[in-house]
Amino acid sequence: MDVSGIFPALTTAYHEDGSVALDHFKANLARYNKTGLAGYVVLGSTGESVLLSSAEADSLLVAGKEAAAPGKLLIAGTGAESTAETIVRTKRAATLGYDVALVKTPYYYKPAYKTETYLRHYRAVANASPIPILLYSVPIFTGVTLETPEIVALAEHANIIGIKDSSGAIQRIVEVTAQAPKEFTILTGSAGVLYPALVSGAKGAILALASALPEKCVELFELFKSNQYAAAQTLQQHLALASKAIVSDGGIAGVKYAMDLRGYHGGQPRLPLLPLADAKKAHVAQVISQFEPATARA
C-alpha cells in the first residue's frame, strides 16, 4: 500500500452546545477534497481523540468515510491503552472502510513498560488487524519514544507498514531508513522538519498544520518530488515558523483558530483545553497573513 504524501491530522469541530459538529467536519473535508492531500487522518491527536466519547469517535469515523473523495487514503487513529481495546477499535475502523490504522504507543503505565511491552503489543494488534498498521510515536503527549531498534524489529511484521514519528528527530529517520525493509514507510509528524525528513528518507507527513495550510504543505512535498530543492527549502523556512506559532505555541486551539482565519470550521477546543489567548490570536493572524489574507467561509 502506498502511504505517501501529505495527510492532515483532522480537527474535530463542535457546535456551541459542545456537541460534535459532524456537518462542519464534513464541510471541511469537502474543501480538503479539492486539494492535493493524499488522504486524511481521523481521530489523531489533533482531533482531540482522547476527549471524545466512544460514540462520538465512531460518528467521526463514519462521517470521514462518507465525506472523503474517492482515492483519498483514510487513516483511523485506533490506539488505546489496552491491546484488546486497540484491536476492537482497529477492527471497527476496518469494517467502516478505513485503509490503515494509526496506533499510538500505550503510555499510562510507562514505568512498567519495556521494549518487549511494545513489541508484543504492536505484534498482537498487527496479527489481529484486517488492515495495515502504522506505528505512532508521539513523545510530546505520551512521554514514550519508539527507538530505532524497536521500530526496525516491528518493521519486519508484514502488517506493520510504517510509522508516524512525531519526535522531530531526523537521525532516527536516517537510521530506520537504513535498517528497515525498503517498503517500510516513514511519515514525519512535524511540519517544521518536513523537508529534512523527506531528504532523510521519509515518504510524507501527517501534519496538524495541514489542517490549516493544506495547499502549502502539499506544495512543499511536490517541490521536493520534482527536485526543486531550493524552492522547497525556502518554503520549509516559512512553514517552520508557521508551525512553531500555530502548532507548537498555539496547540490545538492555535490550529483551529488558523483554520477559522482561512474559512474552515475550526472553533474552540473541548475543555480542559482552553481557547487561544488574544495575544496568540494576533500572532497566528500575522503568520497566516504572510501566506494569504484571511478568507470568508464558503
Protein backbone atom coordinates (compact mmCIF):
# COMPACT_ATOMS: atom_id res chain seq x y z
CA MET A 1 0.00 0.00 0.00
CA ASP A 2 1.29 3.44 -0.94
CA VAL A 3 1.08 5.66 2.14
CA SER A 4 2.99 8.66 0.85
CA GLY A 5 2.20 12.34 0.55
CA ILE A 6 0.63 14.83 2.93
CA PHE A 7 -2.17 13.91 5.32
CA PRO A 8 -3.84 16.42 7.64
CA ALA A 9 -4.48 15.39 11.22
CA LEU A 10 -8.14 16.38 11.09
CA THR A 11 -9.63 18.52 13.84
CA THR A 12 -12.98 17.88 15.50
CA ALA A 13 -15.49 20.70 15.22
CA TYR A 14 -18.10 21.36 17.92
CA HIS A 15 -21.43 23.16 18.00
CA GLU A 16 -21.96 25.95 20.52
CA ASP A 17 -23.57 23.48 22.91
CA GLY A 18 -20.38 21.40 22.89
CA SER A 19 -21.67 18.54 20.76
CA VAL A 20 -19.61 17.20 17.87
CA ALA A 21 -20.45 19.11 14.68
CA LEU A 22 -20.43 16.44 12.00
CA ASP A 23 -21.79 18.92 9.46
CA HIS A 24 -18.83 21.24 9.99
CA PHE A 25 -16.43 18.30 9.91
CA LYS A 26 -17.83 17.20 6.55
CA ALA A 27 -17.73 20.76 5.21
CA ASN A 28 -14.01 20.93 5.98
CA LEU A 29 -13.47 17.65 4.15
CA ALA A 30 -15.37 18.97 1.13
CA ARG A 31 -12.77 21.73 0.85
CA TYR A 32 -9.83 19.43 1.53
CA ASN A 33 -11.07 17.13 -1.23
CA LYS A 34 -10.20 19.87 -3.73
CA THR A 35 -6.55 19.95 -2.66
CA GLY A 36 -3.65 17.63 -3.36
CA LEU A 37 -3.81 16.00 0.07
CA ALA A 38 -3.17 12.26 -0.18
CA GLY A 39 -5.84 11.41 2.37
CA TYR A 40 -6.98 12.06 5.91
CA VAL A 41 -6.28 11.01 9.48
CA VAL A 42 -9.40 10.81 11.63
CA LEU A 43 -9.07 10.55 15.44
CA GLY A 44 -5.45 11.59 15.66
CA SER A 45 -4.04 13.72 18.46
CA THR A 46 -5.11 16.97 16.77
CA GLY A 47 -8.63 15.55 16.53
CA GLU A 48 -8.86 15.60 20.36
CA SER A 49 -9.44 11.87 20.25
CA VAL A 50 -8.77 11.38 23.97
CA LEU A 51 -11.52 13.92 24.79
CA LEU A 52 -14.24 12.14 22.80
CA SER A 53 -16.71 9.51 23.87
CA SER A 54 -16.66 6.20 22.01
CA ALA A 55 -19.92 7.13 20.29
CA GLU A 56 -18.54 10.49 19.18
CA ALA A 57 -15.37 8.87 17.90
CA ASP A 58 -17.36 6.35 15.92
CA SER A 59 -19.56 9.06 14.42
CA LEU A 60 -16.48 10.90 13.18
CA LEU A 61 -15.13 7.74 11.55
CA VAL A 62 -18.43 7.27 9.76
CA ALA A 63 -18.54 10.92 8.69
CA GLY A 64 -14.96 10.80 7.44
CA LYS A 65 -15.69 7.81 5.26
CA GLU A 66 -18.83 9.45 3.90
CA ALA A 67 -17.20 12.81 3.11
CA ALA A 68 -13.80 11.76 1.74
CA ALA A 69 -13.43 11.88 -2.02
CA PRO A 70 -12.67 8.65 -3.87
CA GLY A 71 -8.96 8.00 -3.99
CA LYS A 72 -8.19 9.69 -0.69
CA LEU A 73 -6.47 7.26 1.70
CA LEU A 74 -8.27 7.00 5.04
CA ILE A 75 -6.26 6.50 8.23
CA ALA A 76 -8.01 5.93 11.56
CA GLY A 77 -6.44 6.58 14.93
CA THR A 78 -7.23 3.41 16.87
CA GLY A 79 -4.65 3.30 19.65
CA ALA A 80 -5.86 2.63 23.20
CA GLU A 81 -4.16 1.81 26.47
CA SER A 82 -5.02 -1.88 26.30
CA THR A 83 -4.09 -4.20 23.48
CA ALA A 84 -7.59 -5.69 23.49
CA GLU A 85 -9.32 -2.31 23.09
CA THR A 86 -6.88 -1.29 20.37
CA ILE A 87 -7.80 -4.42 18.43
CA VAL A 88 -11.53 -3.70 18.85
CA ARG A 89 -11.11 -0.14 17.57
CA THR A 90 -8.92 -1.24 14.69
CA LYS A 91 -11.40 -3.87 13.55
CA ARG A 92 -14.19 -1.30 13.72
CA ALA A 93 -12.23 1.11 11.52
CA ALA A 94 -11.64 -1.70 9.03
CA THR A 95 -15.35 -2.51 8.99
CA LEU A 96 -16.12 1.13 8.17
CA GLY A 97 -13.78 1.04 5.19
CA TYR A 98 -10.61 2.65 6.52
CA ASP A 99 -7.40 1.72 4.75
CA VAL A 100 -4.86 1.99 7.57
CA ALA A 101 -4.85 2.15 11.38
CA LEU A 102 -2.62 4.61 13.23
CA VAL A 103 -1.74 3.07 16.60
CA LYS A 104 -0.14 5.26 19.26
CA THR A 105 2.04 3.81 21.98
CA PRO A 106 0.37 2.85 25.27
CA TYR A 107 1.83 5.10 27.95
CA TYR A 108 -0.16 5.21 31.18
CA TYR A 109 1.91 2.56 32.98
CA LYS A 110 5.15 3.58 31.30
CA PRO A 111 7.36 2.87 34.36
CA ALA A 112 6.46 -0.79 33.84
CA TYR A 113 6.75 -0.75 30.05
CA LYS A 114 9.89 -2.14 28.43
CA THR A 115 10.89 -2.83 24.85
CA GLU A 116 9.17 -6.21 24.98
CA THR A 117 5.94 -4.47 26.02
CA TYR A 118 5.75 -2.53 22.78
CA LEU A 119 6.90 -5.41 20.60
CA ARG A 120 4.22 -7.71 21.98
CA HIS A 121 1.52 -5.02 21.87
CA TYR A 122 2.09 -4.00 18.26
CA ARG A 123 2.56 -7.54 17.00
CA ALA A 124 -0.68 -8.63 18.66
CA VAL A 125 -2.56 -5.72 17.09
CA ALA A 126 -0.99 -6.34 13.69
CA ASN A 127 -1.80 -10.05 13.84
CA ALA A 128 -5.46 -9.31 14.59
CA SER A 129 -5.95 -6.34 12.29
CA PRO A 130 -7.68 -6.72 8.91
CA ILE A 131 -5.91 -3.55 7.73
CA PRO A 132 -2.26 -2.45 7.79
CA ILE A 133 -0.84 -0.71 10.85
CA LEU A 134 1.17 2.47 11.21
CA LEU A 135 3.13 2.80 14.44
CA TYR A 136 2.64 6.17 16.12
CA SER A 137 5.37 7.63 18.29
CA VAL A 138 4.33 10.96 19.82
CA PRO A 139 6.54 11.55 22.86
CA ILE A 140 5.36 15.12 23.47
CA PHE A 141 1.98 13.71 24.56
CA THR A 142 2.81 10.21 25.78
CA GLY A 143 6.31 10.56 27.20
CA VAL A 144 7.16 7.42 25.22
CA THR A 145 9.51 7.28 22.24
CA LEU A 146 9.78 4.30 19.93
CA GLU A 147 13.52 3.97 19.39
CA THR A 148 15.26 2.74 16.26
CA PRO A 149 15.80 -0.91 17.38
CA GLU A 150 12.12 -1.27 18.31
CA ILE A 151 10.93 0.28 15.05
CA VAL A 152 13.25 -1.87 12.95
CA ALA A 153 12.14 -5.03 14.77
CA LEU A 154 8.46 -4.21 14.26
CA ALA A 155 9.05 -3.26 10.62
CA GLU A 156 9.70 -6.93 9.91
CA HIS A 157 6.00 -7.69 10.53
CA ALA A 158 4.13 -7.93 7.24
CA ASN A 159 1.14 -5.97 8.54
CA ILE A 160 3.15 -3.11 10.08
CA ILE A 161 3.81 -0.93 7.07
CA GLY A 162 5.24 2.25 8.56
CA ILE A 163 5.43 4.80 11.33
CA LYS A 164 4.32 8.31 12.07
CA ASP A 165 7.26 9.71 14.01
CA SER A 166 6.33 12.95 15.76
CA SER A 167 9.58 13.24 17.70
CA GLY A 168 11.15 15.54 15.12
CA ALA A 169 14.39 13.52 15.33
CA ILE A 170 15.89 13.40 11.85
CA GLN A 171 18.63 10.97 12.91
CA ARG A 172 16.01 8.33 13.72
CA ILE A 173 14.55 8.66 10.23
CA VAL A 174 18.00 8.13 8.74
CA GLU A 175 18.65 5.11 10.97
CA VAL A 176 15.30 3.45 10.28
CA THR A 177 15.57 4.08 6.55
CA ALA A 178 18.97 2.39 6.56
CA GLN A 179 17.86 -0.69 8.51
CA ALA A 180 14.15 -1.34 7.90
CA PRO A 181 12.76 -3.12 4.83
CA LYS A 182 12.69 -0.69 1.89
CA GLU A 183 8.89 -0.81 1.69
CA PHE A 184 8.54 0.40 5.30
CA THR A 185 7.14 3.94 5.19
CA ILE A 186 8.20 6.76 7.49
CA LEU A 187 5.90 9.76 7.87
CA THR A 188 7.02 12.74 9.92
CA GLY A 189 4.57 14.39 12.28
CA SER A 190 6.32 17.75 12.29
CA ALA A 191 5.87 20.41 9.60
CA GLY A 192 8.94 22.15 10.99
CA VAL A 193 11.19 19.38 9.67
CA LEU A 194 9.20 18.22 6.65
CA TYR A 195 11.89 18.96 4.07
CA PRO A 196 14.81 17.45 6.01
CA ALA A 197 12.62 14.44 6.82
CA LEU A 198 11.95 13.89 3.12
CA VAL A 199 15.64 14.25 2.32
CA SER A 200 16.40 11.67 5.02
CA GLY A 201 14.01 9.05 3.68
CA ALA A 202 10.50 9.94 4.86
CA LYS A 203 7.75 9.39 2.28
CA GLY A 204 5.44 12.13 3.53
CA ALA A 205 3.83 13.52 6.64
CA ILE A 206 0.79 13.59 8.89
CA LEU A 207 0.54 17.20 9.98
CA ALA A 208 -1.64 19.35 12.21
CA LEU A 209 -0.53 22.34 10.12
CA ALA A 210 -2.02 20.70 7.02
CA SER A 211 -5.47 21.23 8.54
CA ALA A 212 -4.93 24.99 8.27
CA LEU A 213 -2.49 25.28 5.36
CA PRO A 214 -3.02 22.13 3.27
CA GLU A 215 -2.00 23.71 -0.03
CA LYS A 216 1.34 24.93 1.30
CA CYS A 217 2.22 21.61 2.90
CA VAL A 218 1.37 19.80 -0.33
CA GLU A 219 3.35 22.38 -2.32
CA LEU A 220 6.50 21.64 -0.33
CA PHE A 221 6.06 17.90 -0.91
CA GLU A 222 5.55 18.43 -4.65
CA LEU A 223 8.58 20.74 -4.89
CA PHE A 224 10.69 18.03 -3.30
CA LYS A 225 9.33 15.35 -5.62
CA SER A 226 10.11 17.49 -8.66
CA ASN A 227 13.70 18.14 -7.47
CA GLN A 228 13.09 21.86 -6.88
CA TYR A 229 15.15 21.78 -3.72
CA ALA A 230 15.97 25.48 -3.37
CA ALA A 231 12.29 26.43 -3.58
CA ALA A 232 11.40 23.62 -1.18
CA GLN A 233 13.97 24.86 1.34
CA THR A 234 12.63 28.40 1.15
CA LEU A 235 9.05 27.23 1.69
CA GLN A 236 10.23 25.00 4.55
CA GLN A 237 11.57 28.04 6.36
CA HIS A 238 8.17 29.73 6.16
CA LEU A 239 6.32 26.59 7.22
CA ALA A 240 8.69 26.02 10.15
CA LEU A 241 7.87 29.46 11.52
CA ALA A 242 4.17 28.89 10.91
CA SER A 243 4.28 25.51 12.62
CA LYS A 244 6.04 27.00 15.64
CA ALA A 245 3.48 29.79 16.04
CA ILE A 246 0.34 27.83 15.20
CA VAL A 247 1.02 24.27 16.36
CA SER A 248 3.85 24.30 18.90
CA ASP A 249 2.89 27.53 20.67
CA GLY A 250 -0.84 27.53 19.97
CA GLY A 251 -1.64 23.84 20.29
CA ILE A 252 -4.97 22.53 19.04
CA ALA A 253 -6.57 25.91 19.80
CA GLY A 254 -3.98 27.54 17.55
CA VAL A 255 -4.66 25.13 14.71
CA LYS A 256 -8.38 25.70 15.00
CA TYR A 257 -8.02 29.49 15.05
CA ALA A 258 -5.80 29.38 11.97
CA MET A 259 -8.48 27.28 10.29
CA ASP A 260 -11.10 29.90 11.20
CA LEU A 261 -8.96 32.60 9.59
CA ARG A 262 -8.80 30.56 6.41
CA GLY A 263 -12.53 29.94 6.20
CA TYR A 264 -12.61 26.42 7.63
CA HIS A 265 -14.67 25.33 10.61
CA GLY A 266 -12.13 25.43 13.42
CA GLY A 267 -13.86 26.70 16.52
CA GLN A 268 -12.96 26.10 20.13
CA PRO A 269 -11.27 23.03 21.58
CA ARG A 270 -13.04 20.96 24.22
CA LEU A 271 -12.35 21.53 27.90
CA PRO A 272 -9.99 21.13 29.64
CA LEU A 273 -8.18 22.59 26.60
CA LEU A 274 -8.55 26.36 26.63
CA PRO A 275 -9.23 28.78 23.76
CA LEU A 276 -6.37 30.77 22.31
CA ALA A 277 -5.45 33.95 24.21
CA ASP A 278 -5.86 37.24 22.34
CA ALA A 279 -2.12 37.87 22.10
CA LYS A 280 -1.59 34.47 20.49
CA LYS A 281 -4.54 35.05 18.17
CA ALA A 282 -2.86 38.20 16.89
CA HIS A 283 0.38 36.32 16.28
CA VAL A 284 -1.37 33.48 14.45
CA ALA A 285 -3.26 36.01 12.32
CA GLN A 286 0.02 37.71 11.41
CA VAL A 287 1.54 34.37 10.40
CA ILE A 288 -1.46 33.37 8.29
CA SER A 289 -1.49 36.77 6.56
CA GLN A 290 2.01 36.08 5.26
CA PHE A 291 0.59 33.21 3.23
CA GLU A 292 -2.67 34.84 2.19
CA PRO A 293 -5.33 37.17 3.58
CA ALA A 294 -8.00 35.75 5.86
CA THR A 295 -10.93 34.39 3.86
CA ALA A 296 -14.66 34.15 4.46
CA ARG A 297 -16.10 30.71 4.93
CA ALA A 298 -17.66 29.35 1.75
